[in-house]
PDB file of N, CA and C in Angstrom:
ATOM      1  N   HIS A   1      77.179  93.375  39.193  1.00  0.00           N
ATOM      2  CA  HIS A   1      77.175  92.770  39.993  1.00  0.00           C
ATOM      3  C   HIS A   1      75.893  92.789  40.660  1.00  0.00           C
ATOM      4  N   CYS A   2      75.214  93.395  40.577  1.00  0.00           N
ATOM      5  CA  CYS A   2      73.994  94.272  41.340  1.00  0.00           C
ATOM      6  C   CYS A   2      73.067  92.728  40.444  1.00  0.00           C
ATOM      7  N   ILE A   3      72.812  92.837  39.538  1.00  0.00           N
ATOM      8  CA  ILE A   3      72.458  91.294  38.818  1.00  0.00           C
ATOM      9  C   ILE A   3      72.336  90.306  39.501  1.00  0.00           C
ATOM     10  N   ASP A   4      73.927  89.692  39.489  1.00  0.00           N
ATOM     11  CA  ASP A   4      74.311  88.529  40.266  1.00  0.00           C
ATOM     12  C   ASP A   4      73.532  88.649  41.518  1.00  0.00           C
ATOM     13  N   TYR A   5      73.363  88.954  42.042  1.00  0.00           N
ATOM     14  CA  TYR A   5      73.293  89.434  43.522  1.00  0.00           C
ATOM     15  C   TYR A   5      71.608  89.533  43.721  1.00  0.00           C
ATOM     16  N   VAL A   6      70.726  89.240  42.652  1.00  0.00           N
ATOM     17  CA  VAL A   6      69.207  89.713  42.546  1.00  0.00           C
ATOM     18  C   VAL A   6      69.178  88.342  42.665  1.00  0.00           C
ATOM     19  N   ILE A   7      69.292  87.984  41.333  1.00  0.00           N
ATOM     20  CA  ILE A   7      69.513  86.552  40.909  1.00  0.00           C
ATOM     21  C   ILE A   7      70.128  85.769  40.885  1.00  0.00           C
ATOM     22  N   ILE A   8      70.384  85.590  42.538  1.00  0.00           N
ATOM     23  CA  ILE A   8      71.435  84.357  43.208  1.00  0.00           C
ATOM     24  C   ILE A   8      70.806  84.220  44.708  1.00  0.00           C
ATOM     25  N   HIS A   9      70.321  85.819  44.686  1.00  0.00           N
ATOM     26  CA  HIS A   9      69.351  86.184  46.188  1.00  0.00           C
ATOM     27  C   HIS A   9      67.776  84.987  45.743  1.00  0.00           C
ATOM     28  N   GLU A  10      67.622  85.361  44.417  1.00  0.00           N
ATOM     29  CA  GLU A  10      66.133  84.697  43.957  1.00  0.00           C
ATOM     30  C   GLU A  10      66.341  83.433  43.728  1.00  0.00           C
ATOM     31  N   LEU A  11      67.491  82.489  43.879  1.00  0.00           N
ATOM     32  CA  LEU A  11      67.457  81.275  43.153  1.00  0.00           C
ATOM     33  C   LEU A  11      67.016  80.540  44.807  1.00  0.00           C
ATOM     34  N   CYS A  12      68.305  80.786  45.342  1.00  0.00           N
ATOM     35  CA  CYS A  12      67.824  80.758  47.016  1.00  0.00           C
ATOM     36  C   CYS A  12      67.098  80.501  48.190  1.00  0.00           C
ATOM     37  N   HIS A  13      65.698  81.729  47.031  1.00  0.00           N
ATOM     38  CA  HIS A  13      64.329  82.004  47.604  1.00  0.00           C
ATOM     39  C   HIS A  13      63.972  79.856  47.144  1.00  0.00           C
ATOM     40  N   LEU A  14      63.959  79.615  46.427  1.00  0.00           N
ATOM     41  CA  LEU A  14      63.913  77.797  46.019  1.00  0.00           C
ATOM     42  C   LEU A  14      63.934  77.113  46.739  1.00  0.00           C
ATOM     43  N   LEU A  15      64.849  76.968  47.465  1.00  0.00           N
ATOM     44  CA  LEU A  15      65.338  76.346  48.786  1.00  0.00           C
ATOM     45  C   LEU A  15      64.686  76.500  50.084  1.00  0.00           C
ATOM     46  N   TYR A  16      64.687  78.180  50.401  1.00  0.00           N
ATOM     47  CA  TYR A  16      64.713  78.875  51.566  1.00  0.00           C
ATOM     48  C   TYR A  16      63.371  80.416  50.886  1.00  0.00           C
ATOM     49  N   PRO A  17      62.328  79.603  51.665  1.00  0.00           N
ATOM     50  CA  PRO A  17      61.155  80.535  51.109  1.00  0.00           C
ATOM     51  C   PRO A  17      61.968  81.649  52.110  1.00  0.00           C
ATOM     52  N   HIS A  18      62.533  82.089  53.155  1.00  0.00           N
ATOM     53  CA  HIS A  18      62.318  83.158  54.199  1.00  0.00           C
ATOM     54  C   HIS A  18      63.696  83.611  55.175  1.00  0.00           C
ATOM     55  N   HIS A  19      63.026  84.100  54.914  1.00  0.00           N
ATOM     56  CA  HIS A  19      65.514  85.093  54.960  1.00  0.00           C
ATOM     57  C   HIS A  19      65.321  84.972  56.541  1.00  0.00           C
ATOM     58  N   ASP A  20      65.690  83.711  56.667  1.00  0.00           N
ATOM     59  CA  ASP A  20      66.447  83.055  57.788  1.00  0.00           C
ATOM     60  C   ASP A  20      67.688  82.800  57.477  1.00  0.00           C
ATOM     61  N   LYS A  21      67.920  81.781  59.488  1.00  0.00           N
ATOM     62  CA  LYS A  21      69.765  81.454  58.920  1.00  0.00           C
ATOM     63  C   LYS A  21      70.008  80.261  58.134  1.00  0.00           C
ATOM     64  N   LYS A  22      69.706  80.107  57.222  1.00  0.00           N
ATOM     65  CA  LYS A  22      69.878  78.806  56.404  1.00  0.00           C
ATOM     66  C   LYS A  22      69.900  79.534  55.015  1.00  0.00           C
ATOM     67  N   PHE A  23      69.451  79.800  55.196  1.00  0.00           N
ATOM     68  CA  PHE A  23      68.490  80.933  53.281  1.00  0.00           C
ATOM     69  C   PHE A  23      69.975  81.672  53.673  1.00  0.00           C
ATOM     70  N   TYR A  24      70.335  82.481  54.810  1.00  0.00           N
ATOM     71  CA  TYR A  24      71.481  83.560  54.749  1.00  0.00           C
ATOM     72  C   TYR A  24      73.064  83.027  54.421  1.00  0.00           C
ATOM     73  N   HIS A  25      72.577  81.322  55.733  1.00  0.00           N
ATOM     74  CA  HIS A  25      73.957  80.693  55.007  1.00  0.00           C
ATOM     75  C   HIS A  25      74.126  79.992  53.953  1.00  0.00           C
ATOM     76  N   LEU A  26      72.884  80.168  52.834  1.00  0.00           N
ATOM     77  CA  LEU A  26      73.414  78.915  51.389  1.00  0.00           C
ATOM     78  C   LEU A  26      73.639  80.599  49.755  1.00  0.00           C
ATOM     79  N   LEU A  27      72.969  81.551  51.103  1.00  0.00           N
ATOM     80  CA  LEU A  27      73.814  83.010  50.502  1.00  0.00           C
ATOM     81  C   LEU A  27      75.123  83.922  50.158  1.00  0.00           C
ATOM     82  N   GLY A  28      75.687  83.253  51.304  1.00  0.00           N
ATOM     83  CA  GLY A  28      77.193  83.569  51.657  1.00  0.00           C
ATOM     84  C   GLY A  28      77.439  82.163  50.881  1.00  0.00           C
ATOM     85  N   ARG A  29      77.310  81.165  51.571  1.00  0.00           N
ATOM     86  CA  ARG A  29      78.379  80.490  50.498  1.00  0.00           C
ATOM     87  C   ARG A  29      78.379  80.794  49.220  1.00  0.00           C
ATOM     88  N   ILE A  30      77.265  80.942  48.804  1.00  0.00           N
ATOM     89  CA  ILE A  30      77.358  80.732  47.453  1.00  0.00           C
ATOM     90  C   ILE A  30      77.917  81.748  46.336  1.00  0.00           C
ATOM     91  N   LEU A  31      77.471  83.522  47.898  1.00  0.00           N
ATOM     92  CA  LEU A  31      78.555  84.571  47.242  1.00  0.00           C
ATOM     93  C   LEU A  31      78.508  85.300  48.238  1.00  0.00           C
ATOM     94  N   PRO A  32      79.902  85.520  48.483  1.00  0.00           N
ATOM     95  CA  PRO A  32      80.275  85.759  50.001  1.00  0.00           C
ATOM     96  C   PRO A  32      80.394  87.553  50.158  1.00  0.00           C
ATOM     97  N   ASP A  33      80.227  88.520  49.559  1.00  0.00           N
ATOM     98  CA  ASP A  33      80.273  89.111  49.277  1.00  0.00           C
ATOM     99  C   ASP A  33      78.983  89.840  49.258  1.00  0.00           C
ATOM    100  N   TRP A  34      78.052  89.418  49.158  1.00  0.00           N
ATOM    101  CA  TRP A  34      76.549  89.572  49.372  1.00  0.00           C
ATOM    102  C   TRP A  34      76.535  90.806  49.895  1.00  0.00           C
ATOM    103  N   GLU A  35      76.852  91.243  51.267  1.00  0.00           N
ATOM    104  CA  GLU A  35      76.477  92.102  52.124  1.00  0.00           C
ATOM    105  C   GLU A  35      76.767  93.848  51.086  1.00  0.00           C
ATOM    106  N   LYS A  36      78.428  93.585  50.754  1.00  0.00           N
ATOM    107  CA  LYS A  36      78.540  94.815  49.939  1.00  0.00           C
ATOM    108  C   LYS A  36      78.053  94.725  48.528  1.00  0.00           C
ATOM    109  N   ARG A  37      77.516  94.061  47.947  1.00  0.00           N
ATOM    110  CA  ARG A  37      76.492  93.814  46.762  1.00  0.00           C
ATOM    111  C   ARG A  37      75.304  94.150  46.866  1.00  0.00           C
ATOM    112  N   LYS A  38      74.531  94.062  48.364  1.00  0.00           N
ATOM    113  CA  LYS A  38      73.008  94.633  48.844  1.00  0.00           C
ATOM    114  C   LYS A  38      73.204  96.086  48.882  1.00  0.00           C
ATOM    115  N   GLU A  39      74.106  96.890  48.986  1.00  0.00           N
ATOM    116  CA  GLU A  39      74.460  97.744  50.197  1.00  0.00           C
ATOM    117  C   GLU A  39      74.814  98.810  48.389  1.00  0.00           C
ATOM    118  N   ARG A  40      75.587  98.316  48.291  1.00  0.00           N
ATOM    119  CA  ARG A  40      75.994  99.060  46.190  1.00  0.00           C
ATOM    120  C   ARG A  40      74.516  98.713  45.344  1.00  0.00           C
ATOM    121  N   LEU A  41      73.678  97.510  45.354  1.00  0.00           N
ATOM    122  CA  LEU A  41      72.314  97.845  44.671  1.00  0.00           C
ATOM    123  C   LEU A  41      71.462  98.845  45.808  1.00  0.00           C
ATOM    124  N   GLU A  42      71.645  98.949  46.951  1.00  0.00           N
ATOM    125  CA  GLU A  42      70.435  99.492  47.463  1.00  0.00           C
ATOM    126  C   GLU A  42      70.592 101.308  47.479  1.00  0.00           C
ATOM    127  N   LYS A  43      72.905 101.861  46.709  1.00  0.00           N
ATOM    128  CA  LYS A  43      72.805 102.936  47.222  1.00  0.00           C
ATOM    129  C   LYS A  43      71.999 103.587  45.003  1.00  0.00           C
ATOM    130  N   VAL A  44      71.756 101.991  44.773  1.00  0.00           N
ATOM    131  CA  VAL A  44      71.307 103.188  42.571  1.00  0.00           C
ATOM    132  C   VAL A  44      69.923 102.948  42.699  1.00  0.00           C
ATOM    133  N   VAL A  45      68.994 102.202  43.776  1.00  0.00           N
ATOM    134  CA  VAL A  45      67.427 101.879  43.471  1.00  0.00           C
ATOM    135  C   VAL A  45      66.825 102.892  44.445  1.00  0.00           C
ATOM    136  N   ILE A  46      66.558 103.776  43.807  1.00  0.00           N
ATOM    137  CA  ILE A  46      65.386 104.516  44.399  1.00  0.00           C
ATOM    138  C   ILE A  46      63.609 104.441  44.639  1.00  0.00           C
TER     139      ILE A  46
END
């Protein structure tokens, strides 16, 4: 699940280079549980 989040996050940057409202809107449409996945990733990354 974490790798899916990372890949989709980076693909969203192809359309929106900054972490702005449009970026997060797109990320949320593609991956509705992105916040949960991000939290999980942050727990495993040292």
